[in-house]
């Protein structure tokens, strides 16, 4: 399993609109092959910052499958305008 990790810096004052857009976007990622789960958390110290964790079966399910899909184009249109700066995405695997 691969865990995608992204800190989402949402423009201050746009948090509620982001959360509404995320609810629309969520089924786009959940429908993709290899998707295993997702959580979105909000920072206590900085309420404009969100943590997105997405579990994938394989790295390619995210980097090629989702990002190369029509669903990703819709995801991008719904969410990317909220970020400043644009989030850095990293992928992690469990270690024993």
Protein backbone atom coordinates (compact mmCIF):
# COMPACT_ATOMS: atom_id res chain seq x y z
CA UNK A 1 0.00 0.00 0.00
CA UNK A 2 1.10 3.56 -0.78
CA UNK A 3 0.01 6.55 1.29
CA UNK A 4 -0.17 9.88 -0.50
CA UNK A 5 0.48 12.85 1.81
CA UNK A 6 -0.33 16.45 0.91
CA UNK A 7 -0.46 19.57 3.05
CA UNK A 8 -3.12 21.77 1.43
CA UNK A 9 -2.58 25.50 2.12
CA UNK A 10 -6.00 26.97 1.37
CA UNK A 11 -6.24 30.72 0.78
CA UNK A 12 -7.52 32.34 4.00
CA UNK A 13 -11.23 33.10 3.83
CA UNK A 14 -11.84 30.33 1.27
CA UNK A 15 -11.96 27.39 3.69
CA UNK A 16 -15.73 26.86 3.59
CA UNK A 17 -15.79 27.04 -0.22
CA UNK A 18 -12.87 24.58 -0.33
CA UNK A 19 -14.69 22.12 1.93
CA UNK A 20 -17.81 22.32 -0.23
CA UNK A 21 -15.76 21.80 -3.40
CA UNK A 22 -13.93 18.90 -1.77
CA UNK A 23 -17.22 17.13 -1.09
CA UNK A 24 -18.02 17.42 -4.80
CA UNK A 25 -14.52 16.26 -5.78
CA UNK A 26 -14.25 13.34 -3.34
CA UNK A 27 -16.24 10.81 -5.43
CA UNK A 28 -13.92 11.52 -8.39
CA UNK A 29 -10.92 10.05 -6.56
CA UNK A 30 -12.90 7.37 -4.72
CA UNK A 31 -14.05 5.90 -8.04
CA UNK A 32 -10.53 5.27 -9.36
CA UNK A 33 -8.97 1.80 -9.57
CA UNK A 34 -6.47 1.23 -6.79
CA UNK A 35 -8.06 3.75 -4.41
CA UNK A 36 -8.23 2.32 -0.88
CA UNK A 37 -9.19 5.21 1.39
CA UNK A 38 -8.97 8.91 2.10
CA UNK A 39 -8.93 11.27 5.05
CA UNK A 40 -8.99 15.05 5.16
CA UNK A 41 -8.01 16.81 8.40
CA UNK A 42 -7.91 20.47 9.35
CA UNK A 43 -5.10 22.07 11.35
CA UNK A 44 -6.02 23.25 14.82
CA UNK A 45 -3.25 25.86 14.87
CA UNK A 46 -3.82 27.12 11.30
CA UNK A 47 -7.42 26.50 10.15
CA UNK A 48 -6.51 27.37 6.54
CA UNK A 49 -4.24 24.32 6.36
CA UNK A 50 -5.56 20.85 5.60
CA UNK A 51 -3.88 17.44 5.54
CA UNK A 52 -4.94 15.04 2.79
CA UNK A 53 -4.02 11.37 3.14
CA UNK A 54 -4.97 8.97 0.36
CA UNK A 55 -4.21 5.26 0.35
CA UNK A 56 -3.52 3.57 -2.98
CA UNK A 57 -2.76 -0.05 -3.86
CA UNK A 58 0.22 1.00 -6.00
CA UNK A 59 2.06 4.27 -6.69
CA UNK A 60 1.02 4.06 -10.34
CA UNK A 61 -2.65 4.00 -9.35
CA UNK A 62 -2.16 7.61 -8.29
CA UNK A 63 0.60 8.95 -10.56
CA UNK A 64 -0.59 7.38 -13.80
CA UNK A 65 -4.12 6.14 -13.18
CA UNK A 66 -5.74 9.03 -11.33
CA UNK A 67 -3.56 11.86 -12.61
CA UNK A 68 -3.97 10.64 -16.19
CA UNK A 69 -7.74 10.36 -15.95
CA UNK A 70 -10.62 12.64 -16.93
CA UNK A 71 -11.62 12.57 -13.24
CA UNK A 72 -8.33 14.28 -12.35
CA UNK A 73 -9.09 17.10 -14.78
CA UNK A 74 -12.37 17.64 -12.93
CA UNK A 75 -10.60 17.36 -9.54
CA UNK A 76 -8.07 19.96 -10.64
CA UNK A 77 -10.80 22.33 -11.88
CA UNK A 78 -12.68 22.01 -8.57
CA UNK A 79 -9.78 22.32 -6.12
CA UNK A 80 -6.52 23.72 -7.45
CA UNK A 81 -7.58 27.38 -7.38
CA UNK A 82 -7.86 27.23 -3.57
CA UNK A 83 -4.15 26.57 -2.92
CA UNK A 84 -1.44 29.12 -2.22
CA UNK A 85 1.22 27.92 -2.60
CA UNK A 86 0.51 24.76 -4.55
CA UNK A 87 0.84 21.65 -2.34
CA UNK A 88 3.79 19.31 -2.45
CA UNK A 89 2.66 15.69 -2.68
CA UNK A 90 4.76 12.85 -1.32
CA UNK A 91 4.19 9.10 -1.24
CA UNK A 92 5.02 6.83 1.69
CA UNK A 93 5.17 3.10 2.40
CA UNK A 94 4.93 1.42 5.80
CA UNK A 95 8.10 0.24 7.41
CA UNK A 96 8.44 -2.64 9.86
